[in-house]
PDB file of N, CA and C in Angstrom:
ATOM      1  N   MET A   1      99.889  83.037 109.707  1.00  0.00           N
ATOM      2  CA  MET A   1     100.929  82.237 110.292  1.00  0.00           C
ATOM      3  C   MET A   1     100.524  81.871 111.714  1.00  0.00           C
ATOM      4  N   LYS A   2     100.622  80.606 112.033  1.00  0.00           N
ATOM      5  CA  LYS A   2     100.305  80.149 113.386  1.00  0.00           C
ATOM      6  C   LYS A   2     101.562  80.204 114.240  1.00  0.00           C
ATOM      7  N   ARG A   3     101.387  80.623 115.487  1.00  0.00           N
ATOM      8  CA  ARG A   3     102.472  80.667 116.460  1.00  0.00           C
ATOM      9  C   ARG A   3     101.944  80.073 117.760  1.00  0.00           C
ATOM     10  N   LYS A   4     102.838  79.590 118.615  1.00  0.00           N
ATOM     11  CA  LYS A   4     102.446  79.030 119.907  1.00  0.00           C
ATOM     12  C   LYS A   4     102.785  80.015 121.019  1.00  0.00           C
ATOM     13  N   VAL A   5     101.940  80.039 122.039  1.00  0.00           N
ATOM     14  CA  VAL A   5     102.219  80.814 123.245  1.00  0.00           C
ATOM     15  C   VAL A   5     103.262  80.015 124.022  1.00  0.00           C
ATOM     16  N   THR A   6     104.357  80.675 124.389  1.00  0.00           N
ATOM     17  CA  THR A   6     105.442  79.993 125.078  1.00  0.00           C
ATOM     18  C   THR A   6     105.800  80.730 126.366  1.00  0.00           C
ATOM     19  N   ALA A   7     106.471  80.018 127.260  1.00  0.00           N
ATOM     20  CA  ALA A   7     106.926  80.622 128.517  1.00  0.00           C
ATOM     21  C   ALA A   7     108.091  81.552 128.232  1.00  0.00           C
ATOM     22  N   MET A   8     108.062  82.711 128.881  1.00  0.00           N
ATOM     23  CA  MET A   8     109.138  83.698 128.784  1.00  0.00           C
ATOM     24  C   MET A   8     109.381  84.225 130.187  1.00  0.00           C
ATOM     25  N   GLY A   9     110.298  83.596 130.896  1.00  0.00           N
ATOM     26  CA  GLY A   9     110.508  83.962 132.295  1.00  0.00           C
ATOM     27  C   GLY A   9     109.274  83.596 133.098  1.00  0.00           C
ATOM     28  N   ASN A  10     108.742  84.559 133.858  1.00  0.00           N
ATOM     29  CA  ASN A  10     107.527  84.327 134.638  1.00  0.00           C
ATOM     30  C   ASN A  10     106.269  84.669 133.856  1.00  0.00           C
ATOM     31  N   SER A  11     106.422  85.033 132.587  1.00  0.00           N
ATOM     32  CA  SER A  11     105.290  85.418 131.740  1.00  0.00           C
ATOM     33  C   SER A  11     105.149  84.437 130.595  1.00  0.00           C
ATOM     34  N   GLN A  12     104.208  84.738 129.723  1.00  0.00           N
ATOM     35  CA  GLN A  12     104.026  83.966 128.501  1.00  0.00           C
ATOM     36  C   GLN A  12     103.952  84.937 127.346  1.00  0.00           C
ATOM     37  N   GLY A  13     104.328  84.486 126.175  1.00  0.00           N
ATOM     38  CA  GLY A  13     104.307  85.383 125.028  1.00  0.00           C
ATOM     39  C   GLY A  13     104.333  84.632 123.721  1.00  0.00           C
ATOM     40  N   VAL A  14     104.288  85.409 122.660  1.00  0.00           N
ATOM     41  CA  VAL A  14     104.339  84.892 121.304  1.00  0.00           C
ATOM     42  C   VAL A  14     105.479  85.609 120.598  1.00  0.00           C
ATOM     43  N   LEU A  15     106.361  84.860 119.982  1.00  0.00           N
ATOM     44  CA  LEU A  15     107.459  85.465 119.244  1.00  0.00           C
ATOM     45  C   LEU A  15     106.948  85.969 117.892  1.00  0.00           C
ATOM     46  N   ILE A  16     107.371  87.174 117.539  1.00  0.00           N
ATOM     47  CA  ILE A  16     106.973  87.785 116.269  1.00  0.00           C
ATOM     48  C   ILE A  16     108.110  87.569 115.278  1.00  0.00           C
ATOM     49  N   PRO A  17     107.814  87.005 114.114  1.00  0.00           N
ATOM     50  CA  PRO A  17     108.870  86.752 113.131  1.00  0.00           C
ATOM     51  C   PRO A  17     109.597  88.041 112.739  1.00  0.00           C
ATOM     52  N   LYS A  18     110.936  87.928 112.550  1.00  0.00           N
ATOM     53  CA  LYS A  18     111.768  89.063 112.178  1.00  0.00           C
ATOM     54  C   LYS A  18     111.244  89.742 110.913  1.00  0.00           C
ATOM     55  N   GLU A  19     110.756  88.960 109.975  1.00  0.00           N
ATOM     56  CA  GLU A  19     110.214  89.512 108.725  1.00  0.00           C
ATOM     57  C   GLU A  19     109.098  90.526 109.003  1.00  0.00           C
ATOM     58  N   TYR A  20     108.221  90.208 109.942  1.00  0.00           N
ATOM     59  CA  TYR A  20     107.117  91.115 110.276  1.00  0.00           C
ATOM     60  C   TYR A  20     107.643  92.378 110.942  1.00  0.00           C
ATOM     61  N   LEU A  21     108.600  92.201 111.859  1.00  0.00           N
ATOM     62  CA  LEU A  21     109.179  93.361 112.535  1.00  0.00           C
ATOM     63  C   LEU A  21     109.886  94.269 111.537  1.00  0.00           C
ATOM     64  N   ASP A  22     110.610  93.667 110.604  1.00  0.00           N
ATOM     65  CA  ASP A  22     111.318  94.443 109.580  1.00  0.00           C
ATOM     66  C   ASP A  22     110.346  95.249 108.721  1.00  0.00           C
ATOM     67  N   ARG A  23     109.213  94.656 108.394  1.00  0.00           N
ATOM     68  CA  ARG A  23     108.213  95.352 107.566  1.00  0.00           C
ATOM     69  C   ARG A  23     107.741  96.642 108.213  1.00  0.00           C
ATOM     70  N   LEU A  24     107.654  96.629 109.541  1.00  0.00           N
ATOM     71  CA  LEU A  24     107.177  97.812 110.261  1.00  0.00           C
ATOM     72  C   LEU A  24     108.308  98.649 110.828  1.00  0.00           C
ATOM     73  N   GLY A  25     109.537  98.226 110.596  1.00  0.00           N
ATOM     74  CA  GLY A  25     110.684  98.976 111.106  1.00  0.00           C
ATOM     75  C   GLY A  25     110.810  98.896 112.616  1.00  0.00           C
ATOM     76  N   LEU A  26     110.363  97.800 113.213  1.00  0.00           N
ATOM     77  CA  LEU A  26     110.433  97.635 114.668  1.00  0.00           C
ATOM     78  C   LEU A  26     111.707  96.902 115.048  1.00  0.00           C
ATOM     79  N   LYS A  27     112.362  97.396 116.080  1.00  0.00           N
ATOM     80  CA  LYS A  27     113.585  96.782 116.578  1.00  0.00           C
ATOM     81  C   LYS A  27     113.433  96.541 118.075  1.00  0.00           C
ATOM     82  N   LYS A  28     114.370  95.827 118.655  1.00  0.00           N
ATOM     83  CA  LYS A  28     114.361  95.564 120.093  1.00  0.00           C
ATOM     84  C   LYS A  28     114.198  96.882 120.850  1.00  0.00           C
ATOM     85  N   GLY A  29     113.246  96.920 121.771  1.00  0.00           N
ATOM     86  CA  GLY A  29     112.998  98.120 122.564  1.00  0.00           C
ATOM     87  C   GLY A  29     111.932  99.037 121.987  1.00  0.00           C
ATOM     88  N   ALA A  30     111.430  98.732 120.775  1.00  0.00           N
ATOM     89  CA  ALA A  30     110.381  99.565 120.166  1.00  0.00           C
ATOM     90  C   ALA A  30     109.108  99.482 121.007  1.00  0.00           C
ATOM     91  N   GLU A  31     108.398 100.588 121.082  1.00  0.00           N
ATOM     92  CA  GLU A  31     107.160 100.637 121.853  1.00  0.00           C
ATOM     93  C   GLU A  31     105.978 100.223 120.975  1.00  0.00           C
ATOM     94  N   VAL A  32     105.133  99.351 121.525  1.00  0.00           N
ATOM     95  CA  VAL A  32     103.912  98.927 120.835  1.00  0.00           C
ATOM     96  C   VAL A  32     102.730  99.094 121.771  1.00  0.00           C
ATOM     97  N   GLU A  33     101.568  99.196 121.202  1.00  0.00           N
ATOM     98  CA  GLU A  33     100.308  99.275 121.957  1.00  0.00           C
ATOM     99  C   GLU A  33      99.595  97.943 121.759  1.00  0.00           C
ATOM    100  N   ILE A  34      99.093  97.362 122.845  1.00  0.00           N
ATOM    101  CA  ILE A  34      98.404  96.084 122.777  1.00  0.00           C
ATOM    102  C   ILE A  34      96.960  96.284 123.214  1.00  0.00           C
ATOM    103  N   GLN A  35      96.045  95.753 122.418  1.00  0.00           N
ATOM    104  CA  GLN A  35      94.620  95.820 122.736  1.00  0.00           C
ATOM    105  C   GLN A  35      94.018  94.430 122.607  1.00  0.00           C
ATOM    106  N   VAL A  36      92.931  94.210 123.322  1.00  0.00           N
ATOM    107  CA  VAL A  36      92.185  92.957 123.233  1.00  0.00           C
ATOM    108  C   VAL A  36      90.802  93.272 122.696  1.00  0.00           C
ATOM    109  N   ASP A  37      90.399  92.578 121.658  1.00  0.00           N
ATOM    110  CA  ASP A  37      89.042  92.675 121.125  1.00  0.00           C
ATOM    111  C   ASP A  37      88.343  91.379 121.510  1.00  0.00           C
ATOM    112  N   GLU A  38      87.684  91.411 122.669  1.00  0.00           N
ATOM    113  CA  GLU A  38      87.038  90.206 123.187  1.00  0.00           C
ATOM    114  C   GLU A  38      85.922  89.732 122.264  1.00  0.00           C
ATOM    115  N   GLU A  39      85.246  90.668 121.637  1.00  0.00           N
ATOM    116  CA  GLU A  39      84.147  90.325 120.742  1.00  0.00           C
ATOM    117  C   GLU A  39      84.628  89.449 119.577  1.00  0.00           C
ATOM    118  N   LYS A  40      85.792  89.775 119.040  1.00  0.00           N
ATOM    119  CA  LYS A  40      86.345  89.027 117.907  1.00  0.00           C
ATOM    120  C   LYS A  40      87.361  87.969 118.352  1.00  0.00           C
ATOM    121  N   GLY A  41      87.695  87.949 119.648  1.00  0.00           N
ATOM    122  CA  GLY A  41      88.683  86.999 120.143  1.00  0.00           C
ATOM    123  C   GLY A  41      90.065  87.269 119.589  1.00  0.00           C
ATOM    124  N   GLN A  42      90.452  88.553 119.535  1.00  0.00           N
ATOM    125  CA  GLN A  42      91.718  88.933 118.933  1.00  0.00           C
ATOM    126  C   GLN A  42      92.573  89.743 119.897  1.00  0.00           C
ATOM    127  N   ILE A  43      93.878  89.574 119.758  1.00  0.00           N
ATOM    128  CA  ILE A  43      94.847  90.442 120.417  1.00  0.00           C
ATOM    129  C   ILE A  43      95.470  91.268 119.307  1.00  0.00           C
ATOM    130  N   LEU A  44      95.431  92.584 119.445  1.00  0.00           N
ATOM    131  CA  LEU A  44      95.935  93.489 118.415  1.00  0.00           C
ATOM    132  C   LEU A  44      97.182  94.191 118.919  1.00  0.00           C
ATOM    133  N   ILE A  45      98.192  94.248 118.081  1.00  0.00           N
ATOM    134  CA  ILE A  45      99.442  94.919 118.438  1.00  0.00           C
ATOM    135  C   ILE A  45      99.694  96.013 117.414  1.00  0.00           C
ATOM    136  N   PHE A  46      99.857  97.253 117.896  1.00  0.00           N
ATOM    137  CA  PHE A  46     100.058  98.402 117.025  1.00  0.00           C
ATOM    138  C   PHE A  46     101.427  99.006 117.271  1.00  0.00           C
ATOM    139  N   SER A  47     102.100  99.385 116.207  1.00  0.00           N
ATOM    140  CA  SER A  47     103.370 100.084 116.305  1.00  0.00           C
ATOM    141  C   SER A  47     103.100 101.527 116.703  1.00  0.00           C
ATOM    142  N   VAL A  48     103.591 101.939 117.850  1.00  0.00           N
ATOM    143  CA  VAL A  48     103.393 103.314 118.309  1.00  0.00           C
ATOM    144  C   VAL A  48     104.174 104.278 117.420  1.00  0.00           C
ATOM    145  N   ALA A  49     105.395 103.916 117.049  1.00  0.00           N
ATOM    146  CA  ALA A  49     106.220 104.803 116.213  1.00  0.00           C
ATOM    147  C   ALA A  49     105.548 105.062 114.872  1.00  0.00           C
ATOM    148  N   LYS A  50     105.012 104.041 114.247  1.00  0.00           N
ATOM    149  CA  LYS A  50     104.354 104.203 112.951  1.00  0.00           C
ATOM    150  C   LYS A  50     103.121 105.092 113.101  1.00  0.00           C
ATOM    151  N   GLU A  51     102.410 104.889 114.202  1.00  0.00           N
ATOM    152  CA  GLU A  51     101.212 105.676 114.470  1.00  0.00           C
ATOM    153  C   GLU A  51     101.558 107.161 114.569  1.00  0.00           C
ATOM    154  N   ILE A  52     102.631 107.460 115.247  1.00  0.00           N
ATOM    155  CA  ILE A  52     103.054 108.856 115.415  1.00  0.00           C
ATOM    156  C   ILE A  52     103.480 109.442 114.074  1.00  0.00           C
ATOM    157  N   ARG A  53     104.257 108.699 113.308  1.00  0.00           N
ATOM    158  CA  ARG A  53     104.721 109.196 112.009  1.00  0.00           C
ATOM    159  C   ARG A  53     103.551 109.512 111.094  1.00  0.00           C
ATOM    160  N   LYS A  54     102.537 108.647 111.097  1.00  0.00           N
ATOM    161  CA  LYS A  54     101.391 108.846 110.206  1.00  0.00           C
ATOM    162  C   LYS A  54     100.542 110.033 110.620  1.00  0.00           C
ATOM    163  N   SER A  55     100.295 110.181 111.909  1.00  0.00           N
ATOM    164  CA  SER A  55      99.300 111.144 112.355  1.00  0.00           C
ATOM    165  C   SER A  55      99.873 112.385 113.028  1.00  0.00           C
ATOM    166  N   GLY A  56     101.064 112.287 113.570  1.00  0.00           N
ATOM    167  CA  GLY A  56     101.641 113.406 114.292  1.00  0.00           C
ATOM    168  C   GLY A  56     101.123 113.539 115.714  1.00  0.00           C
ATOM    169  N   ILE A  57     100.301 112.589 116.185  1.00  0.00           N
ATOM    170  CA  ILE A  57      99.785 112.667 117.549  1.00  0.00           C
ATOM    171  C   ILE A  57     100.715 111.929 118.505  1.00  0.00           C
ATOM    172  N   THR A  58     100.608 112.242 119.769  1.00  0.00           N
ATOM    173  CA  THR A  58     101.471 111.607 120.766  1.00  0.00           C
ATOM    174  C   THR A  58     100.926 110.227 121.139  1.00  0.00           C
ATOM    175  N   PRO A  59     101.803 109.337 121.603  1.00  0.00           N
ATOM    176  CA  PRO A  59     101.344 108.015 122.037  1.00  0.00           C
ATOM    177  C   PRO A  59     100.338 108.104 123.184  1.00  0.00           C
ATOM    178  N   GLU A  60     100.528 109.074 124.065  1.00  0.00           N
ATOM    179  CA  GLU A  60      99.612 109.226 125.202  1.00  0.00           C
ATOM    180  C   GLU A  60      98.205 109.565 124.724  1.00  0.00           C
ATOM    181  N   PHE A  61      98.124 110.494 123.755  1.00  0.00           N
ATOM    182  CA  PHE A  61      96.810 110.865 123.233  1.00  0.00           C
ATOM    183  C   PHE A  61      96.163 109.680 122.536  1.00  0.00           C
ATOM    184  N   ALA A  62      96.946 108.956 121.742  1.00  0.00           N
ATOM    185  CA  ALA A  62      96.416 107.784 121.032  1.00  0.00           C
ATOM    186  C   ALA A  62      95.898 106.750 122.026  1.00  0.00           C
ATOM    187  N   ARG A  63      96.642 106.528 123.115  1.00  0.00           N
ATOM    188  CA  ARG A  63      96.219 105.568 124.135  1.00  0.00           C
ATOM    189  C   ARG A  63      94.919 106.021 124.796  1.00  0.00           C
ATOM    190  N   GLU A  64      94.827 107.309 125.112  1.00  0.00           N
ATOM    191  CA  GLU A  64      93.611 107.829 125.738  1.00  0.00           C
ATOM    192  C   GLU A  64      92.405 107.679 124.818  1.00  0.00           C
ATOM    193  N   VAL A  65      92.585 107.926 123.540  1.00  0.00           N
ATOM    194  CA  VAL A  65      91.484 107.766 122.589  1.00  0.00           C
ATOM    195  C   VAL A  65      91.050 106.308 122.533  1.00  0.00           C
ATOM    196  N   ARG A  66      92.023 105.376 122.453  1.00  0.00           N
ATOM    197  CA  ARG A  66      91.685 103.945 122.411  1.00  0.00           C
ATOM    198  C   ARG A  66      90.970 103.520 123.682  1.00  0.00           C
ATOM    199  N   GLU A  67      91.425 104.015 124.845  1.00  0.00           N
ATOM    200  CA  GLU A  67      90.765 103.677 126.108  1.00  0.00           C
ATOM    201  C   GLU A  67      89.340 104.216 126.135  1.00  0.00           C
ATOM    202  N   PHE A  68      89.148 105.426 125.619  1.00  0.00           N
ATOM    203  CA  PHE A  68      87.811 106.011 125.553  1.00  0.00           C
ATOM    204  C   PHE A  68      86.907 105.156 124.673  1.00  0.00           C
ATOM    205  N   ILE A  69      87.414 104.764 123.521  1.00  0.00           N
ATOM    206  CA  ILE A  69      86.618 103.944 122.598  1.00  0.00           C
ATOM    207  C   ILE A  69      86.256 102.618 123.248  1.00  0.00           C
ATOM    208  N   GLU A  70      87.218 101.978 123.925  1.00  0.00           N
ATOM    209  CA  GLU A  70      86.939 100.707 124.598  1.00  0.00           C
ATOM    210  C   GLU A  70      85.865 100.879 125.666  1.00  0.00           C
ATOM    211  N   GLU A  71      86.003 101.927 126.462  1.00  0.00           N
ATOM    212  CA  GLU A  71      85.063 102.150 127.568  1.00  0.00           C
ATOM    213  C   GLU A  71      83.648 102.425 127.062  1.00  0.00           C
ATOM    214  N   TYR A  72      83.548 103.186 125.988  1.00  0.00           N
ATOM    215  CA  TYR A  72      82.230 103.592 125.489  1.00  0.00           C
ATOM    216  C   TYR A  72      81.825 102.881 124.204  1.00  0.00           C
ATOM    217  N   LYS A  73      82.446 101.734 123.919  1.00  0.00           N
ATOM    218  CA  LYS A  73      82.187 100.996 122.683  1.00  0.00           C
ATOM    219  C   LYS A  73      80.689 100.703 122.463  1.00  0.00           C
ATOM    220  N   PRO A  74      79.955 100.214 123.481  1.00  0.00           N
ATOM    221  CA  PRO A  74      78.520  99.940 123.251  1.00  0.00           C
ATOM    222  C   PRO A  74      77.744 101.200 122.852  1.00  0.00           C
ATOM    223  N   ALA A  75      78.016 102.308 123.530  1.00  0.00           N
ATOM    224  CA  ALA A  75      77.299 103.545 123.214  1.00  0.00           C
ATOM    225  C   ALA A  75      77.700 104.063 121.828  1.00  0.00           C
ATOM    226  N   LEU A  76      78.980 103.954 121.484  1.00  0.00           N
ATOM    227  CA  LEU A  76      79.434 104.413 120.176  1.00  0.00           C
ATOM    228  C   LEU A  76      78.829 103.565 119.059  1.00  0.00           C
ATOM    229  N   LYS A  77      78.678 102.261 119.293  1.00  0.00           N
ATOM    230  CA  LYS A  77      78.045 101.393 118.286  1.00  0.00           C
ATOM    231  C   LYS A  77      76.600 101.807 118.065  1.00  0.00           C
ATOM    232  N   LYS A  78      75.900 102.092 119.158  1.00  0.00           N
ATOM    233  CA  LYS A  78      74.494 102.522 119.040  1.00  0.00           C
ATOM    234  C   LYS A  78      74.395 103.850 118.296  1.00  0.00           C
ATOM    235  N   LEU A  79      75.300 104.762 118.592  1.00  0.00           N
ATOM    236  CA  LEU A  79      75.273 106.065 117.933  1.00  0.00           C
ATOM    237  C   LEU A  79      75.586 105.955 116.442  1.00  0.00           C
ATOM    238  N   SER A  80      76.372 104.957 116.072  1.00  0.00           N
ATOM    239  CA  SER A  80      76.755 104.815 114.672  1.00  0.00           C
ATOM    240  C   SER A  80      75.613 104.291 113.799  1.00  0.00           C
ATOM    241  N   LYS A  81      74.586 103.748 114.423  1.00  0.00           N
ATOM    242  CA  LYS A  81      73.463 103.182 113.648  1.00  0.00           C
ATOM    243  C   LYS A  81      72.502 104.220 113.245  1.00  0.00           C
TER     244      LYS A  81
END
């Protein structure tokens, strides 16, 4: 589904269809994690609540792991080969 970036106050954003939010059980005020994959030209949005339910880990730990992976992505790619 294509969406347009629109002005939202002093910021810009993309509206997420209610159908998608309902699928993940997200409501107004739900916490999400946003990442940028510059290599693929993607913005990724993850449901923090779903992540916690699946794994039992805290959002802080999940964020720290993602930050570590982003910081050391080149070295981790080399190690994976």
